[in-house]
Amino acid sequence: MEIIKSGKENNLLVVKVTGRMDAVTAPEFEKQLTGWIDEGEIIFVIDFSALEYISSAGLRSILVIAKKLKSLNGKILLANMEESVNEVFEISGFNSIIPVFDTVQTAIRHGMAS
């Protein structure tokens, strides 16, 4: 898995995650985003267009980050999910907990509006 800081739009940090988010790599995701939160970032748009696979450990890490951001009046917005990853979100019900958008631009517009 690779986590790439791909840009910043106003107060939103756009991050691209590639590869697989599983029990081995999910802690890295959590650690990296926690580091950015500690630096003052509180609104994230996560581009999952190149994420091939997500396990329950990956879902858990996203939930941990979402809870941490909520306590800081921040949020995590997910975008551009591959079909197989989106299916995991739908089956697990995560798409009703964490906002999921078709495109990064749509997520950015939503993040800037709220």
PDB file of N, CA and C in Angstrom:
ATOM      1  N   MET A   1       0.845  -1.177   0.000  1.00  0.00           N
ATOM      2  CA  MET A   1       0.000   0.000   0.000  1.00  0.00           C
ATOM      3  C   MET A   1       0.885   1.232   0.000  1.00  0.00           C
ATOM      4  N   GLU A   2       0.418   2.238  -0.729  1.00  0.00           N
ATOM      5  CA  GLU A   2       1.118   3.510  -0.752  1.00  0.00           C
ATOM      6  C   GLU A   2       0.113   4.605  -0.409  1.00  0.00           C
ATOM      7  N   ILE A   3       0.542   5.571   0.396  1.00  0.00           N
ATOM      8  CA  ILE A   3      -0.300   6.687   0.803  1.00  0.00           C
ATOM      9  C   ILE A   3       0.380   7.952   0.301  1.00  0.00           C
ATOM     10  N   ILE A   4      -0.285   8.645  -0.616  1.00  0.00           N
ATOM     11  CA  ILE A   4       0.320   9.796  -1.274  1.00  0.00           C
ATOM     12  C   ILE A   4      -0.502  11.044  -0.989  1.00  0.00           C
ATOM     13  N   LYS A   5       0.154  12.054  -0.454  1.00  0.00           N
ATOM     14  CA  LYS A   5      -0.478  13.355  -0.250  1.00  0.00           C
ATOM     15  C   LYS A   5      -0.553  13.995  -1.632  1.00  0.00           C
ATOM     16  N   SER A   6      -1.752  14.060  -2.214  1.00  0.00           N
ATOM     17  CA  SER A   6      -1.826  14.485  -3.606  1.00  0.00           C
ATOM     18  C   SER A   6      -2.266  15.929  -3.799  1.00  0.00           C
ATOM     19  N   GLY A   7      -2.548  16.631  -2.733  1.00  0.00           N
ATOM     20  CA  GLY A   7      -2.885  18.039  -2.884  1.00  0.00           C
ATOM     21  C   GLY A   7      -3.667  18.577  -1.716  1.00  0.00           C
ATOM     22  N   LYS A   8      -3.876  19.886  -1.766  1.00  0.00           N
ATOM     23  CA  LYS A   8      -4.648  20.533  -0.719  1.00  0.00           C
ATOM     24  C   LYS A   8      -5.562  21.557  -1.376  1.00  0.00           C
ATOM     25  N   GLU A   9      -6.826  21.483  -1.053  1.00  0.00           N
ATOM     26  CA  GLU A   9      -7.824  22.427  -1.558  1.00  0.00           C
ATOM     27  C   GLU A   9      -8.387  23.153  -0.347  1.00  0.00           C
ATOM     28  N   ASN A  10      -8.072  24.432  -0.230  1.00  0.00           N
ATOM     29  CA  ASN A  10      -8.464  25.215   0.944  1.00  0.00           C
ATOM     30  C   ASN A  10      -8.025  24.468   2.210  1.00  0.00           C
ATOM     31  N   ASN A  11      -8.984  24.014   3.004  1.00  0.00           N
ATOM     32  CA  ASN A  11      -8.635  23.325   4.255  1.00  0.00           C
ATOM     33  C   ASN A  11      -8.765  21.804   4.157  1.00  0.00           C
ATOM     34  N   LEU A  12      -8.866  21.279   2.925  1.00  0.00           N
ATOM     35  CA  LEU A  12      -9.009  19.833   2.733  1.00  0.00           C
ATOM     36  C   LEU A  12      -7.705  19.236   2.224  1.00  0.00           C
ATOM     37  N   LEU A  13      -7.281  18.159   2.852  1.00  0.00           N
ATOM     38  CA  LEU A  13      -6.098  17.438   2.391  1.00  0.00           C
ATOM     39  C   LEU A  13      -6.567  16.256   1.542  1.00  0.00           C
ATOM     40  N   VAL A  14      -6.096  16.189   0.297  1.00  0.00           N
ATOM     41  CA  VAL A  14      -6.454  15.093  -0.604  1.00  0.00           C
ATOM     42  C   VAL A  14      -5.332  14.062  -0.563  1.00  0.00           C
ATOM     43  N   VAL A  15      -5.713  12.816  -0.287  1.00  0.00           N
ATOM     44  CA  VAL A  15      -4.752  11.724  -0.124  1.00  0.00           C
ATOM     45  C   VAL A  15      -5.167  10.576  -1.038  1.00  0.00           C
ATOM     46  N   LYS A  16      -4.207  10.025  -1.764  1.00  0.00           N
ATOM     47  CA  LYS A  16      -4.482   8.871  -2.627  1.00  0.00           C
ATOM     48  C   LYS A  16      -3.883   7.622  -1.986  1.00  0.00           C
ATOM     49  N   VAL A  17      -4.690   6.577  -1.904  1.00  0.00           N
ATOM     50  CA  VAL A  17      -4.252   5.305  -1.323  1.00  0.00           C
ATOM     51  C   VAL A  17      -4.258   4.258  -2.437  1.00  0.00           C
ATOM     52  N   THR A  18      -3.128   3.570  -2.598  1.00  0.00           N
ATOM     53  CA  THR A  18      -3.019   2.572  -3.660  1.00  0.00           C
ATOM     54  C   THR A  18      -2.695   1.201  -3.083  1.00  0.00           C
ATOM     55  N   GLY A  19      -3.032   0.164  -3.837  1.00  0.00           N
ATOM     56  CA  GLY A  19      -2.667  -1.197  -3.437  1.00  0.00           C
ATOM     57  C   GLY A  19      -3.721  -1.877  -2.606  1.00  0.00           C
ATOM     58  N   ARG A  20      -3.288  -2.460  -1.492  1.00  0.00           N
ATOM     59  CA  ARG A  20      -4.168  -3.242  -0.615  1.00  0.00           C
ATOM     60  C   ARG A  20      -4.136  -2.681   0.800  1.00  0.00           C
ATOM     61  N   MET A  21      -5.322  -2.535   1.403  1.00  0.00           N
ATOM     62  CA  MET A  21      -5.396  -2.124   2.800  1.00  0.00           C
ATOM     63  C   MET A  21      -5.911  -3.336   3.582  1.00  0.00           C
ATOM     64  N   ASP A  22      -4.973  -3.982   4.282  1.00  0.00           N
ATOM     65  CA  ASP A  22      -5.301  -5.206   5.014  1.00  0.00           C
ATOM     66  C   ASP A  22      -4.659  -5.162   6.395  1.00  0.00           C
ATOM     67  N   ALA A  23      -4.623  -6.287   7.073  1.00  0.00           N
ATOM     68  CA  ALA A  23      -4.088  -6.335   8.443  1.00  0.00           C
ATOM     69  C   ALA A  23      -2.635  -5.881   8.518  1.00  0.00           C
ATOM     70  N   VAL A  24      -1.889  -6.070   7.442  1.00  0.00           N
ATOM     71  CA  VAL A  24      -0.477  -5.677   7.425  1.00  0.00           C
ATOM     72  C   VAL A  24      -0.327  -4.176   7.163  1.00  0.00           C
ATOM     73  N   THR A  25      -1.126  -3.626   6.250  1.00  0.00           N
ATOM     74  CA  THR A  25      -0.936  -2.239   5.826  1.00  0.00           C
ATOM     75  C   THR A  25      -1.854  -1.225   6.509  1.00  0.00           C
ATOM     76  N   ALA A  26      -2.981  -1.656   7.049  1.00  0.00           N
ATOM     77  CA  ALA A  26      -3.929  -0.732   7.668  1.00  0.00           C
ATOM     78  C   ALA A  26      -3.304   0.088   8.805  1.00  0.00           C
ATOM     79  N   PRO A  27      -2.453  -0.507   9.657  1.00  0.00           N
ATOM     80  CA  PRO A  27      -1.825   0.314  10.705  1.00  0.00           C
ATOM     81  C   PRO A  27      -0.982   1.461  10.134  1.00  0.00           C
ATOM     82  N   GLU A  28      -0.388   1.245   8.968  1.00  0.00           N
ATOM     83  CA  GLU A  28       0.394   2.296   8.312  1.00  0.00           C
ATOM     84  C   GLU A  28      -0.526   3.459   7.906  1.00  0.00           C
ATOM     85  N   PHE A  29      -1.703   3.137   7.371  1.00  0.00           N
ATOM     86  CA  PHE A  29      -2.693   4.147   7.005  1.00  0.00           C
ATOM     87  C   PHE A  29      -3.077   4.963   8.232  1.00  0.00           C
ATOM     88  N   GLU A  30      -3.398   4.261   9.305  1.00  0.00           N
ATOM     89  CA  GLU A  30      -3.808   4.905  10.550  1.00  0.00           C
ATOM     90  C   GLU A  30      -2.695   5.812  11.094  1.00  0.00           C
ATOM     91  N   LYS A  31      -1.478   5.311  11.086  1.00  0.00           N
ATOM     92  CA  LYS A  31      -0.329   6.073  11.587  1.00  0.00           C
ATOM     93  C   LYS A  31      -0.084   7.329  10.749  1.00  0.00           C
ATOM     94  N   GLN A  32      -0.139   7.195   9.430  1.00  0.00           N
ATOM     95  CA  GLN A  32       0.114   8.334   8.546  1.00  0.00           C
ATOM     96  C   GLN A  32      -0.951   9.416   8.717  1.00  0.00           C
ATOM     97  N   LEU A  33      -2.227   9.019   8.724  1.00  0.00           N
ATOM     98  CA  LEU A  33      -3.284  10.010   8.881  1.00  0.00           C
ATOM     99  C   LEU A  33      -3.266  10.633  10.268  1.00  0.00           C
ATOM    100  N   THR A  34      -2.961   9.851  11.287  1.00  0.00           N
ATOM    101  CA  THR A  34      -2.843  10.398  12.644  1.00  0.00           C
ATOM    102  C   THR A  34      -1.734  11.448  12.693  1.00  0.00           C
ATOM    103  N   GLY A  35      -0.638  11.193  11.997  1.00  0.00           N
ATOM    104  CA  GLY A  35       0.449  12.174  11.924  1.00  0.00           C
ATOM    105  C   GLY A  35      -0.015  13.482  11.317  1.00  0.00           C
ATOM    106  N   TRP A  36      -0.775  13.394  10.224  1.00  0.00           N
ATOM    107  CA  TRP A  36      -1.293  14.611   9.595  1.00  0.00           C
ATOM    108  C   TRP A  36      -2.311  15.304  10.492  1.00  0.00           C
ATOM    109  N   ILE A  37      -3.117  14.528  11.222  1.00  0.00           N
ATOM    110  CA  ILE A  37      -4.067  15.121  12.180  1.00  0.00           C
ATOM    111  C   ILE A  37      -3.287  15.869  13.257  1.00  0.00           C
ATOM    112  N   ASP A  38      -2.223  15.265  13.752  1.00  0.00           N
ATOM    113  CA  ASP A  38      -1.383  15.914  14.767  1.00  0.00           C
ATOM    114  C   ASP A  38      -0.761  17.209  14.248  1.00  0.00           C
ATOM    115  N   GLU A  39      -0.589  17.303  12.918  1.00  0.00           N
ATOM    116  CA  GLU A  39      -0.049  18.515  12.296  1.00  0.00           C
ATOM    117  C   GLU A  39      -1.140  19.560  12.036  1.00  0.00           C
ATOM    118  N   GLY A  40      -2.386  19.215  12.369  1.00  0.00           N
ATOM    119  CA  GLY A  40      -3.474  20.183  12.239  1.00  0.00           C
ATOM    120  C   GLY A  40      -4.475  19.931  11.128  1.00  0.00           C
ATOM    121  N   GLU A  41      -4.281  18.883  10.343  1.00  0.00           N
ATOM    122  CA  GLU A  41      -5.245  18.561   9.284  1.00  0.00           C
ATOM    123  C   GLU A  41      -6.474  17.909   9.915  1.00  0.00           C
ATOM    124  N   ILE A  42      -7.675  18.392   9.529  1.00  0.00           N
ATOM    125  CA  ILE A  42      -8.877  17.779  10.102  1.00  0.00           C
ATOM    126  C   ILE A  42      -9.940  17.403   9.063  1.00  0.00           C
ATOM    127  N   ILE A  43      -9.712  17.755   7.795  1.00  0.00           N
ATOM    128  CA  ILE A  43     -10.647  17.337   6.756  1.00  0.00           C
ATOM    129  C   ILE A  43      -9.849  16.634   5.654  1.00  0.00           C
ATOM    130  N   PHE A  44     -10.187  15.376   5.429  1.00  0.00           N
ATOM    131  CA  PHE A  44      -9.481  14.547   4.455  1.00  0.00           C
ATOM    132  C   PHE A  44     -10.418  14.072   3.361  1.00  0.00           C
ATOM    133  N   VAL A  45      -9.946  14.137   2.121  1.00  0.00           N
ATOM    134  CA  VAL A  45     -10.605  13.474   0.999  1.00  0.00           C
ATOM    135  C   VAL A  45      -9.664  12.347   0.592  1.00  0.00           C
ATOM    136  N   ILE A  46     -10.143  11.117   0.711  1.00  0.00           N
ATOM    137  CA  ILE A  46      -9.312   9.960   0.396  1.00  0.00           C
ATOM    138  C   ILE A  46      -9.717   9.411  -0.970  1.00  0.00           C
ATOM    139  N   ASP A  47      -8.784   9.438  -1.895  1.00  0.00           N
ATOM    140  CA  ASP A  47      -8.997   8.934  -3.252  1.00  0.00           C
ATOM    141  C   ASP A  47      -8.634   7.447  -3.270  1.00  0.00           C
ATOM    142  N   PHE A  48      -9.652   6.605  -3.447  1.00  0.00           N
ATOM    143  CA  PHE A  48      -9.461   5.157  -3.448  1.00  0.00           C
ATOM    144  C   PHE A  48      -9.477   4.577  -4.865  1.00  0.00           C
ATOM    145  N   SER A  49      -9.223   5.394  -5.883  1.00  0.00           N
ATOM    146  CA  SER A  49      -9.293   4.909  -7.269  1.00  0.00           C
ATOM    147  C   SER A  49      -8.282   3.806  -7.553  1.00  0.00           C
ATOM    148  N   ALA A  50      -7.185   3.765  -6.810  1.00  0.00           N
ATOM    149  CA  ALA A  50      -6.156   2.743  -7.030  1.00  0.00           C
ATOM    150  C   ALA A  50      -6.070   1.748  -5.870  1.00  0.00           C
ATOM    151  N   LEU A  51      -7.077   1.758  -4.993  1.00  0.00           N
ATOM    152  CA  LEU A  51      -7.118   0.767  -3.915  1.00  0.00           C
ATOM    153  C   LEU A  51      -7.778  -0.493  -4.471  1.00  0.00           C
ATOM    154  N   GLU A  52      -7.031  -1.578  -4.488  1.00  0.00           N
ATOM    155  CA  GLU A  52      -7.506  -2.821  -5.101  1.00  0.00           C
ATOM    156  C   GLU A  52      -8.301  -3.699  -4.140  1.00  0.00           C
ATOM    157  N   TYR A  53      -8.012  -3.566  -2.840  1.00  0.00           N
ATOM    158  CA  TYR A  53      -8.595  -4.486  -1.863  1.00  0.00           C
ATOM    159  C   TYR A  53      -8.630  -3.815  -0.500  1.00  0.00           C
ATOM    160  N   ILE A  54      -9.697  -4.074   0.256  1.00  0.00           N
ATOM    161  CA  ILE A  54      -9.761  -3.608   1.642  1.00  0.00           C
ATOM    162  C   ILE A  54     -10.340  -4.730   2.497  1.00  0.00           C
ATOM    163  N   SER A  55      -9.702  -4.969   3.643  1.00  0.00           N
ATOM    164  CA  SER A  55     -10.166  -6.005   4.575  1.00  0.00           C
ATOM    165  C   SER A  55     -10.868  -5.332   5.751  1.00  0.00           C
ATOM    166  N   SER A  56     -11.339  -6.146   6.680  1.00  0.00           N
ATOM    167  CA  SER A  56     -11.974  -5.601   7.878  1.00  0.00           C
ATOM    168  C   SER A  56     -10.983  -4.763   8.686  1.00  0.00           C
ATOM    169  N   ALA A  57      -9.714  -5.095   8.627  1.00  0.00           N
ATOM    170  CA  ALA A  57      -8.694  -4.293   9.322  1.00  0.00           C
ATOM    171  C   ALA A  57      -8.610  -2.896   8.699  1.00  0.00           C
ATOM    172  N   GLY A  58      -8.738  -2.822   7.387  1.00  0.00           N
ATOM    173  CA  GLY A  58      -8.746  -1.530   6.706  1.00  0.00           C
ATOM    174  C   GLY A  58      -9.973  -0.715   7.083  1.00  0.00           C
ATOM    175  N   LEU A  59     -11.129  -1.367   7.135  1.00  0.00           N
ATOM    176  CA  LEU A  59     -12.355  -0.683   7.554  1.00  0.00           C
ATOM    177  C   LEU A  59     -12.213  -0.150   8.973  1.00  0.00           C
ATOM    178  N   ARG A  60     -11.627  -0.956   9.833  1.00  0.00           N
ATOM    179  CA  ARG A  60     -11.428  -0.554  11.220  1.00  0.00           C
ATOM    180  C   ARG A  60     -10.548   0.690  11.301  1.00  0.00           C
ATOM    181  N   SER A  61      -9.469   0.725  10.524  1.00  0.00           N
ATOM    182  CA  SER A  61      -8.572   1.884  10.544  1.00  0.00           C
ATOM    183  C   SER A  61      -9.283   3.147  10.068  1.00  0.00           C
ATOM    184  N   ILE A  62     -10.112   3.011   9.052  1.00  0.00           N
ATOM    185  CA  ILE A  62     -10.877   4.161   8.575  1.00  0.00           C
ATOM    186  C   ILE A  62     -11.821   4.650   9.665  1.00  0.00           C
ATOM    187  N   LEU A  63     -12.460   3.716  10.364  1.00  0.00           N
ATOM    188  CA  LEU A  63     -13.378   4.074  11.443  1.00  0.00           C
ATOM    189  C   LEU A  63     -12.646   4.767  12.586  1.00  0.00           C
ATOM    190  N   VAL A  64     -11.468   4.286  12.946  1.00  0.00           N
ATOM    191  CA  VAL A  64     -10.664   4.909  14.004  1.00  0.00           C
ATOM    192  C   VAL A  64     -10.349   6.360  13.628  1.00  0.00           C
ATOM    193  N   ILE A  65      -9.921   6.567  12.387  1.00  0.00           N
ATOM    194  CA  ILE A  65      -9.595   7.916  11.922  1.00  0.00           C
ATOM    195  C   ILE A  65     -10.847   8.793  11.904  1.00  0.00           C
ATOM    196  N   ALA A  66     -11.965   8.249  11.429  1.00  0.00           N
ATOM    197  CA  ALA A  66     -13.215   9.018  11.379  1.00  0.00           C
ATOM    198  C   ALA A  66     -13.640   9.473  12.768  1.00  0.00           C
ATOM    199  N   LYS A  67     -13.527   8.587  13.750  1.00  0.00           N
ATOM    200  CA  LYS A  67     -13.891   8.943  15.130  1.00  0.00           C
ATOM    201  C   LYS A  67     -12.961  10.015  15.684  1.00  0.00           C
ATOM    202  N   LYS A  68     -11.670   9.874  15.391  1.00  0.00           N
ATOM    203  CA  LYS A  68     -10.689  10.860  15.852  1.00  0.00           C
ATOM    204  C   LYS A  68     -10.999  12.232  15.246  1.00  0.00           C
ATOM    205  N   LEU A  69     -11.323  12.247  13.953  1.00  0.00           N
ATOM    206  CA  LEU A  69     -11.631  13.508  13.275  1.00  0.00           C
ATOM    207  C   LEU A  69     -12.929  14.116  13.787  1.00  0.00           C
ATOM    208  N   LYS A  70     -13.919  13.274  14.053  1.00  0.00           N
ATOM    209  CA  LYS A  70     -15.202  13.778  14.558  1.00  0.00           C
ATOM    210  C   LYS A  70     -15.007  14.507  15.884  1.00  0.00           C
ATOM    211  N   SER A  71     -14.138  13.983  16.731  1.00  0.00           N
ATOM    212  CA  SER A  71     -13.886  14.626  18.025  1.00  0.00           C
ATOM    213  C   SER A  71     -13.202  15.983  17.863  1.00  0.00           C
ATOM    214  N   LEU A  72     -12.614  16.230  16.684  1.00  0.00           N
ATOM    215  CA  LEU A  72     -11.934  17.500  16.394  1.00  0.00           C
ATOM    216  C   LEU A  72     -12.765  18.379  15.454  1.00  0.00           C
ATOM    217  N   ASN A  73     -14.049  18.004  15.265  1.00  0.00           N
ATOM    218  CA  ASN A  73     -14.929  18.677  14.309  1.00  0.00           C
ATOM    219  C   ASN A  73     -14.397  18.588  12.879  1.00  0.00           C
ATOM    220  N   GLY A  74     -13.731  17.501  12.581  1.00  0.00           N
ATOM    221  CA  GLY A  74     -13.223  17.251  11.244  1.00  0.00           C
ATOM    222  C   GLY A  74     -14.006  16.131  10.598  1.00  0.00           C
ATOM    223  N   LYS A  75     -13.523  15.667   9.439  1.00  0.00           N
ATOM    224  CA  LYS A  75     -14.220  14.573   8.767  1.00  0.00           C
ATOM    225  C   LYS A  75     -13.320  13.918   7.736  1.00  0.00           C
ATOM    226  N   ILE A  76     -13.736  12.727   7.354  1.00  0.00           N
ATOM    227  CA  ILE A  76     -13.069  11.986   6.287  1.00  0.00           C
ATOM    228  C   ILE A  76     -14.117  11.711   5.216  1.00  0.00           C
ATOM    229  N   LEU A  77     -13.757  12.024   3.980  1.00  0.00           N
ATOM    230  CA  LEU A  77     -14.636  11.817   2.838  1.00  0.00           C
ATOM    231  C   LEU A  77     -13.919  10.868   1.879  1.00  0.00           C
ATOM    232  N   LEU A  78     -14.599   9.855   1.415  1.00  0.00           N
ATOM    233  CA  LEU A  78     -13.993   8.863   0.542  1.00  0.00           C
ATOM    234  C   LEU A  78     -14.492   9.056  -0.883  1.00  0.00           C
ATOM    235  N   ALA A  79     -13.618   8.799  -1.859  1.00  0.00           N
ATOM    236  CA  ALA A  79     -14.001   9.035  -3.249  1.00  0.00           C
ATOM    237  C   ALA A  79     -13.355   8.029  -4.189  1.00  0.00           C
ATOM    238  N   ASN A  80     -13.995   7.879  -5.361  1.00  0.00           N
ATOM    239  CA  ASN A  80     -13.404   7.126  -6.477  1.00  0.00           C
ATOM    240  C   ASN A  80     -13.150   5.654  -6.168  1.00  0.00           C
ATOM    241  N   MET A  81     -14.062   5.005  -5.492  1.00  0.00           N
ATOM    242  CA  MET A  81     -13.830   3.611  -5.117  1.00  0.00           C
ATOM    243  C   MET A  81     -13.952   2.668  -6.299  1.00  0.00           C
ATOM    244  N   GLU A  82     -13.020   1.725  -6.357  1.00  0.00           N
ATOM    245  CA  GLU A  82     -13.127   0.634  -7.313  1.00  0.00           C
ATOM    246  C   GLU A  82     -14.365  -0.193  -6.930  1.00  0.00           C
ATOM    247  N   GLU A  83     -14.929  -0.886  -7.887  1.00  0.00           N
ATOM    248  CA  GLU A  83     -16.171  -1.632  -7.657  1.00  0.00           C
ATOM    249  C   GLU A  83     -16.062  -2.639  -6.509  1.00  0.00           C
ATOM    250  N   SER A  84     -14.956  -3.380  -6.452  1.00  0.00           N
ATOM    251  CA  SER A  84     -14.817  -4.403  -5.403  1.00  0.00           C
ATOM    252  C   SER A  84     -14.703  -3.775  -4.015  1.00  0.00           C
ATOM    253  N   VAL A  85     -14.029  -2.645  -3.919  1.00  0.00           N
ATOM    254  CA  VAL A  85     -13.893  -1.953  -2.635  1.00  0.00           C
ATOM    255  C   VAL A  85     -15.238  -1.353  -2.243  1.00  0.00           C
ATOM    256  N   ASN A  86     -15.943  -0.773  -3.200  1.00  0.00           N
ATOM    257  CA  ASN A  86     -17.254  -0.206  -2.935  1.00  0.00           C
ATOM    258  C   ASN A  86     -18.224  -1.274  -2.439  1.00  0.00           C
ATOM    259  N   GLU A  87     -18.113  -2.464  -3.005  1.00  0.00           N
ATOM    260  CA  GLU A  87     -18.963  -3.582  -2.588  1.00  0.00           C
ATOM    261  C   GLU A  87     -18.748  -3.922  -1.112  1.00  0.00           C
ATOM    262  N   VAL A  88     -17.490  -3.916  -0.681  1.00  0.00           N
ATOM    263  CA  VAL A  88     -17.173  -4.179   0.738  1.00  0.00           C
ATOM    264  C   VAL A  88     -17.817  -3.107   1.618  1.00  0.00           C
ATOM    265  N   PHE A  89     -17.752  -1.848   1.184  1.00  0.00           N
ATOM    266  CA  PHE A  89     -18.370  -0.762   1.951  1.00  0.00           C
ATOM    267  C   PHE A  89     -19.884  -0.926   2.023  1.00  0.00           C
ATOM    268  N   GLU A  90     -20.493  -1.316   0.924  1.00  0.00           N
ATOM    269  CA  GLU A  90     -21.946  -1.507   0.914  1.00  0.00           C
ATOM    270  C   GLU A  90     -22.363  -2.675   1.793  1.00  0.00           C
ATOM    271  N   ILE A  91     -21.688  -3.807   1.653  1.00  0.00           N
ATOM    272  CA  ILE A  91     -22.033  -5.007   2.434  1.00  0.00           C
ATOM    273  C   ILE A  91     -21.853  -4.763   3.935  1.00  0.00           C
ATOM    274  N   SER A  92     -20.782  -4.052   4.292  1.00  0.00           N
ATOM    275  CA  SER A  92     -20.496  -3.800   5.710  1.00  0.00           C
ATOM    276  C   SER A  92     -21.344  -2.671   6.289  1.00  0.00           C
ATOM    277  N   GLY A  93     -21.995  -1.901   5.420  1.00  0.00           N
ATOM    278  CA  GLY A  93     -22.792  -0.762   5.887  1.00  0.00           C
ATOM    279  C   GLY A  93     -21.975   0.490   6.138  1.00  0.00           C
ATOM    280  N   PHE A  94     -20.700   0.458   5.824  1.00  0.00           N
ATOM    281  CA  PHE A  94     -19.828   1.608   6.070  1.00  0.00           C
ATOM    282  C   PHE A  94     -20.216   2.825   5.235  1.00  0.00           C
ATOM    283  N   ASN A  95     -20.810   2.589   4.065  1.00  0.00           N
ATOM    284  CA  ASN A  95     -21.181   3.727   3.222  1.00  0.00           C
ATOM    285  C   ASN A  95     -22.319   4.546   3.830  1.00  0.00           C
ATOM    286  N   SER A  96     -22.976   4.013   4.870  1.00  0.00           N
ATOM    287  CA  SER A  96     -23.993   4.800   5.574  1.00  0.00           C
ATOM    288  C   SER A  96     -23.377   5.548   6.767  1.00  0.00           C
ATOM    289  N   ILE A  97     -22.144   5.217   7.121  1.00  0.00           N
ATOM    290  CA  ILE A  97     -21.453   5.853   8.246  1.00  0.00           C
ATOM    291  C   ILE A  97     -20.492   6.939   7.760  1.00  0.00           C
ATOM    292  N   ILE A  98     -19.785   6.636   6.682  1.00  0.00           N
ATOM    293  CA  ILE A  98     -18.756   7.530   6.154  1.00  0.00           C
ATOM    294  C   ILE A  98     -19.152   7.938   4.737  1.00  0.00           C
ATOM    295  N   PRO A  99     -19.162   9.243   4.444  1.00  0.00           N
ATOM    296  CA  PRO A  99     -19.578   9.700   3.118  1.00  0.00           C
ATOM    297  C   PRO A  99     -18.666   9.173   2.009  1.00  0.00           C
ATOM    298  N   VAL A 100     -19.300   8.650   0.957  1.00  0.00           N
ATOM    299  CA  VAL A 100     -18.586   8.120  -0.205  1.00  0.00           C
ATOM    300  C   VAL A 100     -19.082   8.870  -1.444  1.00  0.00           C
ATOM    301  N   PHE A 101     -18.142   9.360  -2.251  1.00  0.00           N
ATOM    302  CA  PHE A 101     -18.478  10.142  -3.436  1.00  0.00           C
ATOM    303  C   PHE A 101     -17.894   9.491  -4.682  1.00  0.00           C
ATOM    304  N   ASP A 102     -18.539   9.759  -5.822  1.00  0.00           N
ATOM    305  CA  ASP A 102     -18.084   9.183  -7.088  1.00  0.00           C
ATOM    306  C   ASP A 102     -16.742   9.746  -7.528  1.00  0.00           C
ATOM    307  N   THR A 103     -16.519  11.031  -7.261  1.00  0.00           N
ATOM    308  CA  THR A 103     -15.271  11.668  -7.700  1.00  0.00           C
ATOM    309  C   THR A 103     -14.631  12.450  -6.564  1.00  0.00           C
ATOM    310  N   VAL A 104     -13.354  12.693  -6.706  1.00  0.00           N
ATOM    311  CA  VAL A 104     -12.625  13.506  -5.722  1.00  0.00           C
ATOM    312  C   VAL A 104     -13.180  14.920  -5.719  1.00  0.00           C
ATOM    313  N   GLN A 105     -13.467  15.470  -6.905  1.00  0.00           N
ATOM    314  CA  GLN A 105     -13.990  16.839  -6.991  1.00  0.00           C
ATOM    315  C   GLN A 105     -15.332  16.986  -6.273  1.00  0.00           C
ATOM    316  N   THR A 106     -16.196  15.991  -6.394  1.00  0.00           N
ATOM    317  CA  THR A 106     -17.485  16.028  -5.689  1.00  0.00           C
ATOM    318  C   THR A 106     -17.257  16.007  -4.183  1.00  0.00           C
ATOM    319  N   ALA A 107     -16.334  15.169  -3.728  1.00  0.00           N
ATOM    320  CA  ALA A 107     -16.023  15.110  -2.297  1.00  0.00           C
ATOM    321  C   ALA A 107     -15.455  16.443  -1.809  1.00  0.00           C
ATOM    322  N   ILE A 108     -14.585  17.041  -2.610  1.00  0.00           N
ATOM    323  CA  ILE A 108     -14.007  18.346  -2.231  1.00  0.00           C
ATOM    324  C   ILE A 108     -15.101  19.392  -2.128  1.00  0.00           C
ATOM    325  N   ARG A 109     -15.993  19.436  -3.115  1.00  0.00           N
ATOM    326  CA  ARG A 109     -17.096  20.426  -3.062  1.00  0.00           C
ATOM    327  C   ARG A 109     -17.944  20.221  -1.813  1.00  0.00           C
ATOM    328  N   HIS A 110     -18.237  18.967  -1.494  1.00  0.00           N
ATOM    329  CA  HIS A 110     -19.022  18.663  -0.300  1.00  0.00           C
ATOM    330  C   HIS A 110     -18.271  19.074   0.966  1.00  0.00           C
ATOM    331  N   GLY A 111     -16.987  18.788   1.012  1.00  0.00           N
ATOM    332  CA  GLY A 111     -16.180  19.137   2.183  1.00  0.00           C
ATOM    333  C   GLY A 111     -16.054  20.628   2.388  1.00  0.00           C
ATOM    334  N   MET A 112     -15.995  21.378   1.297  1.00  0.00           N
ATOM    335  CA  MET A 112     -15.872  22.835   1.398  1.00  0.00           C
ATOM    336  C   MET A 112     -17.198  23.476   1.779  1.00  0.00           C
ATOM    337  N   ALA A 113     -18.306  22.841   1.398  1.00  0.00           N
ATOM    338  CA  ALA A 113     -19.627  23.404   1.664  1.00  0.00           C
ATOM    339  C   ALA A 113     -20.058  23.229   3.113  1.00  0.00           C
ATOM    340  N   SER A 114     -19.515  22.218   3.771  1.00  0.00           N
ATOM    341  CA  SER A 114     -19.989  21.972   5.146  1.00  0.00           C
ATOM    342  C   SER A 114     -18.984  22.381   6.185  1.00  0.00           C
TER     343      SER A 114
END
